[in-house]
PDB file of all heavy atoms in Angstrom:
ATOM      1  N   LEU A   1       0.801  -1.215   0.000  1.00  0.00           N
ATOM      2  CA  LEU A   1       0.000   0.000   0.000  1.00  0.00           C
ATOM      3  C   LEU A   1       0.840   1.275   0.000  1.00  0.00           C
ATOM      4  O   LEU A   1       0.356   2.333  -0.407  1.00  0.00           O
ATOM      5  CB  LEU A   1      -0.930   0.013   1.218  1.00  0.00           C
ATOM      6  CG  LEU A   1      -2.015  -1.075   1.256  1.00  0.00           C
ATOM      7  CD1 LEU A   1      -2.759  -1.013   2.580  1.00  0.00           C
ATOM      8  CD2 LEU A   1      -2.976  -0.928   0.081  1.00  0.00           C
ATOM      9  N   ASN A   2       2.093   1.203   0.439  1.00  0.00           N
ATOM     10  CA  ASN A   2       2.845   2.436   0.664  1.00  0.00           C
ATOM     11  C   ASN A   2       4.182   2.526  -0.067  1.00  0.00           C
ATOM     12  O   ASN A   2       4.813   3.576  -0.030  1.00  0.00           O
ATOM     13  CB  ASN A   2       3.106   2.618   2.163  1.00  0.00           C
ATOM     14  CG  ASN A   2       1.828   2.745   2.957  1.00  0.00           C
ATOM     15  OD1 ASN A   2       1.172   3.783   2.946  1.00  0.00           O
ATOM     16  ND2 ASN A   2       1.443   1.677   3.647  1.00  0.00           N
ATOM     17  N   SER A   3       4.659   1.450  -0.691  1.00  0.00           N
ATOM     18  CA  SER A   3       5.931   1.510  -1.399  1.00  0.00           C
ATOM     19  C   SER A   3       5.697   1.549  -2.900  1.00  0.00           C
ATOM     20  O   SER A   3       4.589   1.291  -3.378  1.00  0.00           O
ATOM     21  CB  SER A   3       6.807   0.308  -1.029  1.00  0.00           C
ATOM     22  OG  SER A   3       6.188  -0.898  -1.447  1.00  0.00           O
ATOM     23  N   GLY A   4       6.769   1.863  -3.645  1.00  0.00           N
ATOM     24  CA  GLY A   4       6.653   1.936  -5.099  1.00  0.00           C
ATOM     25  C   GLY A   4       6.349   3.343  -5.566  1.00  0.00           C
ATOM     26  O   GLY A   4       5.834   4.175  -4.830  1.00  0.00           O
ATOM     27  N   LYS A   5       6.673   3.627  -6.833  1.00  0.00           N
ATOM     28  CA  LYS A   5       6.514   4.989  -7.355  1.00  0.00           C
ATOM     29  C   LYS A   5       5.056   5.403  -7.482  1.00  0.00           C
ATOM     30  O   LYS A   5       4.718   6.586  -7.430  1.00  0.00           O
ATOM     31  CB  LYS A   5       7.216   5.111  -8.710  1.00  0.00           C
ATOM     32  CG  LYS A   5       6.628   4.234  -9.798  1.00  0.00           C
ATOM     33  CD  LYS A   5       7.381   4.438 -11.108  1.00  0.00           C
ATOM     34  CE  LYS A   5       6.782   3.587 -12.239  1.00  0.00           C
ATOM     35  NZ  LYS A   5       7.496   3.794 -13.516  1.00  0.00           N
ATOM     36  N   ASP A   6       4.130   4.416  -7.610  1.00  0.00           N
ATOM     37  CA  ASP A   6       2.711   4.761  -7.729  1.00  0.00           C
ATOM     38  C   ASP A   6       2.155   5.315  -6.424  1.00  0.00           C
ATOM     39  O   ASP A   6       1.171   6.063  -6.429  1.00  0.00           O
ATOM     40  CB  ASP A   6       1.905   3.529  -8.150  1.00  0.00           C
ATOM     41  CG  ASP A   6       2.248   3.075  -9.567  1.00  0.00           C
ATOM     42  OD1 ASP A   6       2.720   3.922 -10.352  1.00  0.00           O
ATOM     43  OD2 ASP A   6       2.074   1.876  -9.863  1.00  0.00           O
ATOM     44  N   ASN A   7       2.784   4.957  -5.313  1.00  0.00           N
ATOM     45  CA  ASN A   7       2.306   5.418  -4.012  1.00  0.00           C
ATOM     46  C   ASN A   7       3.147   6.564  -3.450  1.00  0.00           C
ATOM     47  O   ASN A   7       2.916   6.996  -2.323  1.00  0.00           O
ATOM     48  CB  ASN A   7       2.311   4.260  -3.009  1.00  0.00           C
ATOM     49  CG  ASN A   7       1.329   3.170  -3.388  1.00  0.00           C
ATOM     50  OD1 ASN A   7       0.195   3.458  -3.771  1.00  0.00           O
ATOM     51  ND2 ASN A   7       1.760   1.914  -3.299  1.00  0.00           N
ATOM     52  N   GLN A   8       4.127   7.026  -4.263  1.00  0.00           N
ATOM     53  CA  GLN A   8       5.026   8.065  -3.778  1.00  0.00           C
ATOM     54  C   GLN A   8       4.260   9.362  -3.516  1.00  0.00           C
ATOM     55  O   GLN A   8       3.484   9.824  -4.348  1.00  0.00           O
ATOM     56  CB  GLN A   8       6.133   8.312  -4.812  1.00  0.00           C
ATOM     57  CG  GLN A   8       7.205   9.269  -4.321  1.00  0.00           C
ATOM     58  CD  GLN A   8       8.335   9.401  -5.330  1.00  0.00           C
ATOM     59  OE1 GLN A   8       8.245   8.846  -6.423  1.00  0.00           O
ATOM     60  NE2 GLN A   8       9.367  10.128  -4.971  1.00  0.00           N
ATOM     61  N   GLY A   9       4.440   9.922  -2.343  1.00  0.00           N
ATOM     62  CA  GLY A   9       3.799  11.181  -1.995  1.00  0.00           C
ATOM     63  C   GLY A   9       2.412  11.046  -1.403  1.00  0.00           C
ATOM     64  O   GLY A   9       1.827  12.040  -0.950  1.00  0.00           O
ATOM     65  N   LYS A  10       1.856   9.853  -1.406  1.00  0.00           N
ATOM     66  CA  LYS A  10       0.519   9.650  -0.845  1.00  0.00           C
ATOM     67  C   LYS A  10       0.582   9.577   0.679  1.00  0.00           C
ATOM     68  O   LYS A  10       1.601   9.245   1.270  1.00  0.00           O
ATOM     69  CB  LYS A  10      -0.099   8.367  -1.405  1.00  0.00           C
ATOM     70  CG  LYS A  10      -0.449   8.445  -2.885  1.00  0.00           C
ATOM     71  CD  LYS A  10      -1.153   7.172  -3.337  1.00  0.00           C
ATOM     72  CE  LYS A  10      -1.546   7.263  -4.809  1.00  0.00           C
ATOM     73  NZ  LYS A  10      -2.247   6.026  -5.259  1.00  0.00           N
ATOM     74  N   ILE A  11      -0.540   9.869   1.299  1.00  0.00           N
ATOM     75  CA  ILE A  11      -0.621   9.836   2.760  1.00  0.00           C
ATOM     76  C   ILE A  11      -0.899   8.410   3.200  1.00  0.00           C
ATOM     77  O   ILE A  11      -1.830   7.753   2.719  1.00  0.00           O
ATOM     78  CB  ILE A  11      -1.726  10.772   3.265  1.00  0.00           C
ATOM     79  CG1 ILE A  11      -1.409  12.228   2.855  1.00  0.00           C
ATOM     80  CG2 ILE A  11      -1.872  10.667   4.784  1.00  0.00           C
ATOM     81  CD1 ILE A  11      -2.506  13.199   3.206  1.00  0.00           C
ATOM     82  N   ALA A  12      -0.099   7.906   4.129  1.00  0.00           N
ATOM     83  CA  ALA A  12      -0.289   6.555   4.644  1.00  0.00           C
ATOM     84  C   ALA A  12      -1.358   6.559   5.734  1.00  0.00           C
ATOM     85  O   ALA A  12      -1.387   7.449   6.588  1.00  0.00           O
ATOM     86  CB  ALA A  12       1.024   6.015   5.208  1.00  0.00           C
ATOM     87  N   VAL A  13      -2.231   5.567   5.668  1.00  0.00           N
ATOM     88  CA  VAL A  13      -3.285   5.404   6.671  1.00  0.00           C
ATOM     89  C   VAL A  13      -2.954   4.190   7.514  1.00  0.00           C
ATOM     90  O   VAL A  13      -2.775   3.086   6.993  1.00  0.00           O
ATOM     91  CB  VAL A  13      -4.667   5.239   6.007  1.00  0.00           C
ATOM     92  CG1 VAL A  13      -5.748   5.058   7.074  1.00  0.00           C
ATOM     93  CG2 VAL A  13      -4.993   6.446   5.130  1.00  0.00           C
ATOM     94  N   LEU A  14      -2.851   4.389   8.825  1.00  0.00           N
ATOM     95  CA  LEU A  14      -2.465   3.321   9.738  1.00  0.00           C
ATOM     96  C   LEU A  14      -3.690   2.721  10.403  1.00  0.00           C
ATOM     97  O   LEU A  14      -4.639   3.426  10.776  1.00  0.00           O
ATOM     98  CB  LEU A  14      -1.514   3.857  10.809  1.00  0.00           C
ATOM     99  CG  LEU A  14      -0.182   4.461  10.318  1.00  0.00           C
ATOM    100  CD1 LEU A  14       0.612   4.985  11.510  1.00  0.00           C
ATOM    101  CD2 LEU A  14       0.616   3.446   9.547  1.00  0.00           C
ATOM    102  N   ASP A  15      -3.680   1.410  10.519  1.00  0.00           N
ATOM    103  CA  ASP A  15      -4.734   0.733  11.269  1.00  0.00           C
ATOM    104  C   ASP A  15      -4.566   1.028  12.750  1.00  0.00           C
ATOM    105  O   ASP A  15      -3.497   1.463  13.222  1.00  0.00           O
ATOM    106  CB  ASP A  15      -4.665  -0.777  11.030  1.00  0.00           C
ATOM    107  CG  ASP A  15      -5.041  -1.149   9.595  1.00  0.00           C
ATOM    108  OD1 ASP A  15      -5.757  -0.359   8.973  1.00  0.00           O
ATOM    109  OD2 ASP A  15      -4.572  -2.210   9.127  1.00  0.00           O
ATOM    110  N   VAL A  16      -5.629   0.778  13.485  1.00  0.00           N
ATOM    111  CA  VAL A  16      -5.588   0.984  14.934  1.00  0.00           C
ATOM    112  C   VAL A  16      -4.544   0.050  15.545  1.00  0.00           C
ATOM    113  O   VAL A  16      -4.494  -1.143  15.223  1.00  0.00           O
ATOM    114  CB  VAL A  16      -6.976   0.707  15.556  1.00  0.00           C
ATOM    115  CG1 VAL A  16      -6.907   0.859  17.082  1.00  0.00           C
ATOM    116  CG2 VAL A  16      -8.014   1.658  14.979  1.00  0.00           C
ATOM    117  N   GLY A  17      -3.708   0.618  16.392  1.00  0.00           N
ATOM    118  CA  GLY A  17      -2.686  -0.182  17.053  1.00  0.00           C
ATOM    119  C   GLY A  17      -1.349  -0.193  16.334  1.00  0.00           C
ATOM    120  O   GLY A  17      -0.384  -0.772  16.831  1.00  0.00           O
ATOM    121  N   LEU A  18      -1.255   0.441  15.116  1.00  0.00           N
ATOM    122  CA  LEU A  18       0.005   0.492  14.369  1.00  0.00           C
ATOM    123  C   LEU A  18       0.632   1.877  14.486  1.00  0.00           C
ATOM    124  O   LEU A  18      -0.067   2.900  14.469  1.00  0.00           O
ATOM    125  CB  LEU A  18      -0.222   0.160  12.894  1.00  0.00           C
ATOM    126  CG  LEU A  18      -0.581  -1.283  12.545  1.00  0.00           C
ATOM    127  CD1 LEU A  18      -0.777  -1.419  11.039  1.00  0.00           C
ATOM    128  CD2 LEU A  18       0.494  -2.248  13.029  1.00  0.00           C
ATOM    129  N   ASP A  19       1.910   1.900  14.590  1.00  0.00           N
ATOM    130  CA  ASP A  19       2.648   3.158  14.673  1.00  0.00           C
ATOM    131  C   ASP A  19       3.912   3.030  13.821  1.00  0.00           C
ATOM    132  O   ASP A  19       4.728   2.124  14.033  1.00  0.00           O
ATOM    133  CB  ASP A  19       3.024   3.458  16.122  1.00  0.00           C
ATOM    134  CG  ASP A  19       3.802   4.768  16.241  1.00  0.00           C
ATOM    135  OD1 ASP A  19       3.604   5.647  15.380  1.00  0.00           O
ATOM    136  OD2 ASP A  19       4.615   4.891  17.184  1.00  0.00           O
ATOM    137  N   PHE A  20       4.083   3.938  12.829  1.00  0.00           N
ATOM    138  CA  PHE A  20       5.247   3.891  11.931  1.00  0.00           C
ATOM    139  C   PHE A  20       6.288   4.886  12.405  1.00  0.00           C
ATOM    140  O   PHE A  20       5.988   6.053  12.679  1.00  0.00           O
ATOM    141  CB  PHE A  20       4.846   4.221  10.495  1.00  0.00           C
ATOM    142  CG  PHE A  20       6.018   4.249   9.542  1.00  0.00           C
ATOM    143  CD1 PHE A  20       6.595   3.070   9.100  1.00  0.00           C
ATOM    144  CD2 PHE A  20       6.550   5.454   9.104  1.00  0.00           C
ATOM    145  CE1 PHE A  20       7.673   3.089   8.230  1.00  0.00           C
ATOM    146  CE2 PHE A  20       7.627   5.478   8.240  1.00  0.00           C
ATOM    147  CZ  PHE A  20       8.185   4.295   7.797  1.00  0.00           C
ATOM    148  N   GLN A  21       7.522   4.429  12.498  1.00  0.00           N
ATOM    149  CA  GLN A  21       8.628   5.280  12.933  1.00  0.00           C
ATOM    150  C   GLN A  21       9.704   5.301  11.854  1.00  0.00           C
ATOM    151  O   GLN A  21      10.259   4.257  11.498  1.00  0.00           O
ATOM    152  CB  GLN A  21       9.212   4.767  14.251  1.00  0.00           C
ATOM    153  CG  GLN A  21      10.354   5.637  14.769  1.00  0.00           C
ATOM    154  CD  GLN A  21      10.879   5.150  16.104  1.00  0.00           C
ATOM    155  OE1 GLN A  21      10.204   4.391  16.800  1.00  0.00           O
ATOM    156  NE2 GLN A  21      12.083   5.572  16.449  1.00  0.00           N
ATOM    157  N   GLN A  22       9.972   6.481  11.303  1.00  0.00           N
ATOM    158  CA  GLN A  22      10.988   6.646  10.263  1.00  0.00           C
ATOM    159  C   GLN A  22      12.385   6.523  10.875  1.00  0.00           C
ATOM    160  O   GLN A  22      12.668   7.091  11.932  1.00  0.00           O
ATOM    161  CB  GLN A  22      10.860   8.020   9.589  1.00  0.00           C
ATOM    162  CG  GLN A  22      11.868   8.273   8.478  1.00  0.00           C
ATOM    163  CD  GLN A  22      11.522   7.534   7.210  1.00  0.00           C
ATOM    164  OE1 GLN A  22      10.341   7.400   6.866  1.00  0.00           O
ATOM    165  NE2 GLN A  22      12.528   7.063   6.503  1.00  0.00           N
ATOM    166  N   LEU A  23      13.258   5.754  10.206  1.00  0.00           N
ATOM    167  CA  LEU A  23      14.631   5.602  10.664  1.00  0.00           C
ATOM    168  C   LEU A  23      15.552   6.463   9.804  1.00  0.00           C
ATOM    169  O   LEU A  23      15.511   6.383   8.573  1.00  0.00           O
ATOM    170  CB  LEU A  23      15.080   4.139  10.580  1.00  0.00           C
ATOM    171  CG  LEU A  23      14.425   3.171  11.555  1.00  0.00           C
ATOM    172  CD1 LEU A  23      15.001   1.777  11.354  1.00  0.00           C
ATOM    173  CD2 LEU A  23      14.611   3.618  12.989  1.00  0.00           C
ATOM    174  N   GLY A  24      16.372   7.293  10.421  1.00  0.00           N
ATOM    175  CA  GLY A  24      17.339   8.094   9.687  1.00  0.00           C
ATOM    176  C   GLY A  24      18.678   7.392   9.635  1.00  0.00           C
ATOM    177  O   GLY A  24      18.917   6.402  10.329  1.00  0.00           O
ATOM    178  N   MET A  25      19.549   7.925   8.810  1.00  0.00           N
ATOM    179  CA  MET A  25      20.893   7.352   8.712  1.00  0.00           C
ATOM    180  C   MET A  25      21.647   7.641   9.996  1.00  0.00           C
ATOM    181  O   MET A  25      21.634   8.771  10.492  1.00  0.00           O
ATOM    182  CB  MET A  25      21.634   7.967   7.525  1.00  0.00           C
ATOM    183  CG  MET A  25      22.929   7.275   7.206  1.00  0.00           C
ATOM    184  SD  MET A  25      23.646   7.895   5.675  1.00  0.00           S
ATOM    185  CE  MET A  25      25.096   6.854   5.563  1.00  0.00           C
ATOM    186  N   PRO A  26      22.288   6.662  10.595  1.00  0.00           N
ATOM    187  CA  PRO A  26      22.954   6.876  11.875  1.00  0.00           C
ATOM    188  C   PRO A  26      24.090   7.876  11.817  1.00  0.00           C
ATOM    189  O   PRO A  26      24.456   8.456  12.809  1.00  0.00           O
ATOM    190  CB  PRO A  26      23.479   5.481  12.245  1.00  0.00           C
ATOM    191  CG  PRO A  26      23.577   4.746  10.950  1.00  0.00           C
ATOM    192  CD  PRO A  26      22.454   5.276  10.109  1.00  0.00           C
ATOM    193  N   LEU A  27      24.668   8.077  10.627  1.00  0.00           N
ATOM    194  CA  LEU A  27      25.742   9.054  10.493  1.00  0.00           C
ATOM    195  C   LEU A  27      25.270  10.204   9.615  1.00  0.00           C
ATOM    196  O   LEU A  27      24.628   9.993   8.588  1.00  0.00           O
ATOM    197  CB  LEU A  27      26.986   8.401   9.879  1.00  0.00           C
ATOM    198  CG  LEU A  27      27.635   7.311  10.723  1.00  0.00           C
ATOM    199  CD1 LEU A  27      28.813   6.703   9.970  1.00  0.00           C
ATOM    200  CD2 LEU A  27      28.103   7.863  12.049  1.00  0.00           C
ATOM    201  N   ASP A  28      25.588  11.399  10.043  1.00  0.00           N
ATOM    202  CA  ASP A  28      25.156  12.588   9.327  1.00  0.00           C
ATOM    203  C   ASP A  28      25.800  12.627   7.946  1.00  0.00           C
ATOM    204  O   ASP A  28      27.017  12.518   7.805  1.00  0.00           O
ATOM    205  CB  ASP A  28      25.554  13.825  10.131  1.00  0.00           C
ATOM    206  CG  ASP A  28      24.950  15.099   9.557  1.00  0.00           C
ATOM    207  OD1 ASP A  28      24.286  15.012   8.511  1.00  0.00           O
ATOM    208  OD2 ASP A  28      25.147  16.165  10.164  1.00  0.00           O
ATOM    209  N   GLN A  29      24.973  12.801   6.899  1.00  0.00           N
ATOM    210  CA  GLN A  29      25.508  12.852   5.536  1.00  0.00           C
ATOM    211  C   GLN A  29      26.444  14.033   5.358  1.00  0.00           C
ATOM    212  O   GLN A  29      27.413  13.968   4.602  1.00  0.00           O
ATOM    213  CB  GLN A  29      24.361  12.934   4.528  1.00  0.00           C
ATOM    214  CG  GLN A  29      23.532  11.660   4.450  1.00  0.00           C
ATOM    215  CD  GLN A  29      22.450  11.748   3.389  1.00  0.00           C
ATOM    216  OE1 GLN A  29      22.272  12.787   2.770  1.00  0.00           O
ATOM    217  NE2 GLN A  29      21.746  10.654   3.181  1.00  0.00           N
ATOM    218  N   ALA A  30      26.154  15.137   6.060  1.00  0.00           N
ATOM    219  CA  ALA A  30      27.029  16.306   5.946  1.00  0.00           C
ATOM    220  C   ALA A  30      28.426  15.990   6.441  1.00  0.00           C
ATOM    221  O   ALA A  30      29.419  16.475   5.906  1.00  0.00           O
ATOM    222  CB  ALA A  30      26.444  17.473   6.737  1.00  0.00           C
ATOM    223  N   GLN A  31      28.511  15.152   7.477  1.00  0.00           N
ATOM    224  CA  GLN A  31      29.829  14.770   7.980  1.00  0.00           C
ATOM    225  C   GLN A  31      30.585  13.949   6.953  1.00  0.00           C
ATOM    226  O   GLN A  31      31.801  14.089   6.800  1.00  0.00           O
ATOM    227  CB  GLN A  31      29.672  13.984   9.280  1.00  0.00           C
ATOM    228  CG  GLN A  31      29.148  14.812  10.447  1.00  0.00           C
ATOM    229  CD  GLN A  31      28.989  13.995  11.708  1.00  0.00           C
ATOM    230  OE1 GLN A  31      29.124  12.771  11.683  1.00  0.00           O
ATOM    231  NE2 GLN A  31      28.711  14.658  12.812  1.00  0.00           N
ATOM    232  N   PHE A  32      29.876  13.083   6.237  1.00  0.00           N
ATOM    233  CA  PHE A  32      30.517  12.319   5.170  1.00  0.00           C
ATOM    234  C   PHE A  32      31.090  13.251   4.108  1.00  0.00           C
ATOM    235  O   PHE A  32      32.220  13.090   3.654  1.00  0.00           O
ATOM    236  CB  PHE A  32      29.503  11.368   4.523  1.00  0.00           C
ATOM    237  CG  PHE A  32      29.366  10.063   5.246  1.00  0.00           C
ATOM    238  CD1 PHE A  32      28.135   9.653   5.728  1.00  0.00           C
ATOM    239  CD2 PHE A  32      30.453   9.241   5.452  1.00  0.00           C
ATOM    240  CE1 PHE A  32      28.000   8.459   6.395  1.00  0.00           C
ATOM    241  CE2 PHE A  32      30.332   8.037   6.117  1.00  0.00           C
ATOM    242  CZ  PHE A  32      29.096   7.642   6.597  1.00  0.00           C
ATOM    243  N   LEU A  33      30.289  14.241   3.704  1.00  0.00           N
ATOM    244  CA  LEU A  33      30.731  15.169   2.671  1.00  0.00           C
ATOM    245  C   LEU A  33      31.924  15.980   3.136  1.00  0.00           C
ATOM    246  O   LEU A  33      32.881  16.185   2.384  1.00  0.00           O
ATOM    247  CB  LEU A  33      29.576  16.099   2.274  1.00  0.00           C
ATOM    248  CG  LEU A  33      28.389  15.430   1.586  1.00  0.00           C
ATOM    249  CD1 LEU A  33      27.287  16.451   1.325  1.00  0.00           C
ATOM    250  CD2 LEU A  33      28.811  14.776   0.284  1.00  0.00           C
ATOM    251  N   ASP A  34      31.883  16.455   4.371  1.00  0.00           N
ATOM    252  CA  ASP A  34      33.009  17.231   4.901  1.00  0.00           C
ATOM    253  C   ASP A  34      34.272  16.383   4.969  1.00  0.00           C
ATOM    254  O   ASP A  34      35.375  16.865   4.674  1.00  0.00           O
ATOM    255  CB  ASP A  34      32.666  17.765   6.296  1.00  0.00           C
ATOM    256  CG  ASP A  34      31.606  18.862   6.256  1.00  0.00           C
ATOM    257  OD1 ASP A  34      31.409  19.439   5.173  1.00  0.00           O
ATOM    258  OD2 ASP A  34      30.977  19.111   7.304  1.00  0.00           O
ATOM    259  N   THR A  35      34.116  15.130   5.368  1.00  0.00           N
ATOM    260  CA  THR A  35      35.270  14.232   5.448  1.00  0.00           C
ATOM    261  C   THR A  35      35.859  13.983   4.062  1.00  0.00           C
ATOM    262  O   THR A  35      37.086  13.971   3.882  1.00  0.00           O
ATOM    263  CB  THR A  35      34.876  12.892   6.091  1.00  0.00           C
ATOM    264  OG1 THR A  35      34.332  13.133   7.391  1.00  0.00           O
ATOM    265  CG2 THR A  35      36.082  11.977   6.218  1.00  0.00           C
ATOM    266  N   GLN A  36      34.977  13.796   3.073  1.00  0.00           N
ATOM    267  CA  GLN A  36      35.445  13.568   1.707  1.00  0.00           C
ATOM    268  C   GLN A  36      36.149  14.806   1.155  1.00  0.00           C
ATOM    269  O   GLN A  36      37.186  14.698   0.495  1.00  0.00           O
ATOM    270  CB  GLN A  36      34.275  13.173   0.814  1.00  0.00           C
ATOM    271  CG  GLN A  36      33.732  11.782   1.097  1.00  0.00           C
ATOM    272  CD  GLN A  36      32.530  11.449   0.240  1.00  0.00           C
ATOM    273  OE1 GLN A  36      31.805  12.329  -0.223  1.00  0.00           O
ATOM    274  NE2 GLN A  36      32.300  10.169   0.015  1.00  0.00           N
ATOM    275  N   LYS A  37      35.604  15.988   1.432  1.00  0.00           N
ATOM    276  CA  LYS A  37      36.228  17.226   0.967  1.00  0.00           C
ATOM    277  C   LYS A  37      37.604  17.408   1.602  1.00  0.00           C
ATOM    278  O   LYS A  37      38.554  17.833   0.942  1.00  0.00           O
ATOM    279  CB  LYS A  37      35.335  18.423   1.295  1.00  0.00           C
ATOM    280  CG  LYS A  37      34.073  18.510   0.453  1.00  0.00           C
ATOM    281  CD  LYS A  37      33.251  19.726   0.846  1.00  0.00           C
ATOM    282  CE  LYS A  37      31.984  19.819  -0.006  1.00  0.00           C
ATOM    283  NZ  LYS A  37      31.160  20.990   0.380  1.00  0.00           N
ATOM    284  N   PHE A  38      37.689  17.098   2.882  1.00  0.00           N
ATOM    285  CA  PHE A  38      38.979  17.208   3.564  1.00  0.00           C
ATOM    286  C   PHE A  38      40.000  16.258   2.942  1.00  0.00           C
ATOM    287  O   PHE A  38      41.165  16.618   2.745  1.00  0.00           O
ATOM    288  CB  PHE A  38      38.807  16.895   5.053  1.00  0.00           C
ATOM    289  CG  PHE A  38      40.095  16.922   5.823  1.00  0.00           C
ATOM    290  CD1 PHE A  38      40.693  18.120   6.166  1.00  0.00           C
ATOM    291  CD2 PHE A  38      40.717  15.734   6.192  1.00  0.00           C
ATOM    292  CE1 PHE A  38      41.887  18.135   6.874  1.00  0.00           C
ATOM    293  CE2 PHE A  38      41.908  15.743   6.903  1.00  0.00           C
ATOM    294  CZ  PHE A  38      42.494  16.951   7.243  1.00  0.00           C
ATOM    295  N   GLY A  39      39.554  15.042   2.615  1.00  0.00           N
ATOM    296  CA  GLY A  39      40.453  14.077   1.983  1.00  0.00           C
ATOM    297  C   GLY A  39      40.942  14.554   0.631  1.00  0.00           C
ATOM    298  O   GLY A  39      42.126  14.413   0.290  1.00  0.00           O
ATOM    299  N   ILE A  40      40.039  15.141  -0.151  1.00  0.00           N
ATOM    300  CA  ILE A  40      40.429  15.678  -1.457  1.00  0.00           C
ATOM    301  C   ILE A  40      41.458  16.786  -1.299  1.00  0.00           C
ATOM    302  O   ILE A  40      42.473  16.835  -2.004  1.00  0.00           O
ATOM    303  CB  ILE A  40      39.190  16.200  -2.215  1.00  0.00           C
ATOM    304  CG1 ILE A  40      38.267  15.047  -2.590  1.00  0.00           C
ATOM    305  CG2 ILE A  40      39.602  16.978  -3.466  1.00  0.00           C
ATOM    306  CD1 ILE A  40      36.947  15.495  -3.200  1.00  0.00           C
ATOM    307  N   THR A  41      41.194  17.692  -0.345  1.00  0.00           N
ATOM    308  CA  THR A  41      42.100  18.825  -0.131  1.00  0.00           C
ATOM    309  C   THR A  41      43.488  18.358   0.295  1.00  0.00           C
ATOM    310  O   THR A  41      44.507  18.891  -0.172  1.00  0.00           O
ATOM    311  CB  THR A  41      41.519  19.770   0.936  1.00  0.00           C
ATOM    312  OG1 THR A  41      40.226  20.214   0.520  1.00  0.00           O
ATOM    313  CG2 THR A  41      42.419  20.974   1.136  1.00  0.00           C
ATOM    314  N   GLU A  42      43.548  17.362   1.182  1.00  0.00           N
ATOM    315  CA  GLU A  42      44.837  16.878   1.666  1.00  0.00           C
ATOM    316  C   GLU A  42      45.660  16.249   0.543  1.00  0.00           C
ATOM    317  O   GLU A  42      46.857  16.517   0.409  1.00  0.00           O
ATOM    318  CB  GLU A  42      44.620  15.857   2.795  1.00  0.00           C
ATOM    319  CG  GLU A  42      44.162  16.463   4.098  1.00  0.00           C
ATOM    320  CD  GLU A  42      45.192  17.408   4.681  1.00  0.00           C
ATOM    321  OE1 GLU A  42      46.261  16.933   5.104  1.00  0.00           O
ATOM    322  OE2 GLU A  42      44.931  18.625   4.693  1.00  0.00           O
ATOM    323  N   VAL A  43      45.036  15.419  -0.272  1.00  0.00           N
ATOM    324  CA  VAL A  43      45.755  14.773  -1.371  1.00  0.00           C
ATOM    325  C   VAL A  43      46.168  15.800  -2.414  1.00  0.00           C
ATOM    326  O   VAL A  43      47.302  15.790  -2.912  1.00  0.00           O
ATOM    327  CB  VAL A  43      44.888  13.666  -2.009  1.00  0.00           C
ATOM    328  CG1 VAL A  43      45.610  13.063  -3.210  1.00  0.00           C
ATOM    329  CG2 VAL A  43      44.572  12.580  -0.987  1.00  0.00           C
ATOM    330  N   ALA A  44      45.251  16.720  -2.745  1.00  0.00           N
ATOM    331  CA  ALA A  44      45.569  17.759  -3.731  1.00  0.00           C
ATOM    332  C   ALA A  44      46.724  18.628  -3.251  1.00  0.00           C
ATOM    333  O   ALA A  44      47.578  19.043  -4.048  1.00  0.00           O
ATOM    334  CB  ALA A  44      44.337  18.617  -4.000  1.00  0.00           C
ATOM    335  N   LYS A  45      46.784  18.893  -1.945  1.00  0.00           N
ATOM    336  CA  LYS A  45      47.851  19.734  -1.390  1.00  0.00           C
ATOM    337  C   LYS A  45      49.211  19.070  -1.562  1.00  0.00           C
ATOM    338  O   LYS A  45      50.189  19.732  -1.937  1.00  0.00           O
ATOM    339  CB  LYS A  45      47.557  19.993   0.087  1.00  0.00           C
ATOM    340  CG  LYS A  45      48.620  20.815   0.805  1.00  0.00           C
ATOM    341  CD  LYS A  45      48.200  21.105   2.236  1.00  0.00           C
ATOM    342  CE  LYS A  45      48.122  19.851   3.065  1.00  0.00           C
ATOM    343  NZ  LYS A  45      47.789  20.129   4.485  1.00  0.00           N
ATOM    344  N   VAL A  46      49.281  17.785  -1.296  1.00  0.00           N
ATOM    345  CA  VAL A  46      50.555  17.077  -1.387  1.00  0.00           C
ATOM    346  C   VAL A  46      51.022  16.972  -2.837  1.00  0.00           C
ATOM    347  O   VAL A  46      52.217  17.117  -3.130  1.00  0.00           O
ATOM    348  CB  VAL A  46      50.438  15.684  -0.745  1.00  0.00           C
ATOM    349  CG1 VAL A  46      51.672  14.852  -1.036  1.00  0.00           C
ATOM    350  CG2 VAL A  46      50.243  15.814   0.754  1.00  0.00           C
TER     351      VAL A  46
END
């Protein structure tokens, strides 16, 4: 009922007694990007 491109953007309706909890990525994506940029800068500098 809720996955797939046909259901993208639709409002999910939960049955009584169900609770949906969204899980985020445990590591901040911004930290990944900053780490990658730092790595590029260090190699380029050398």
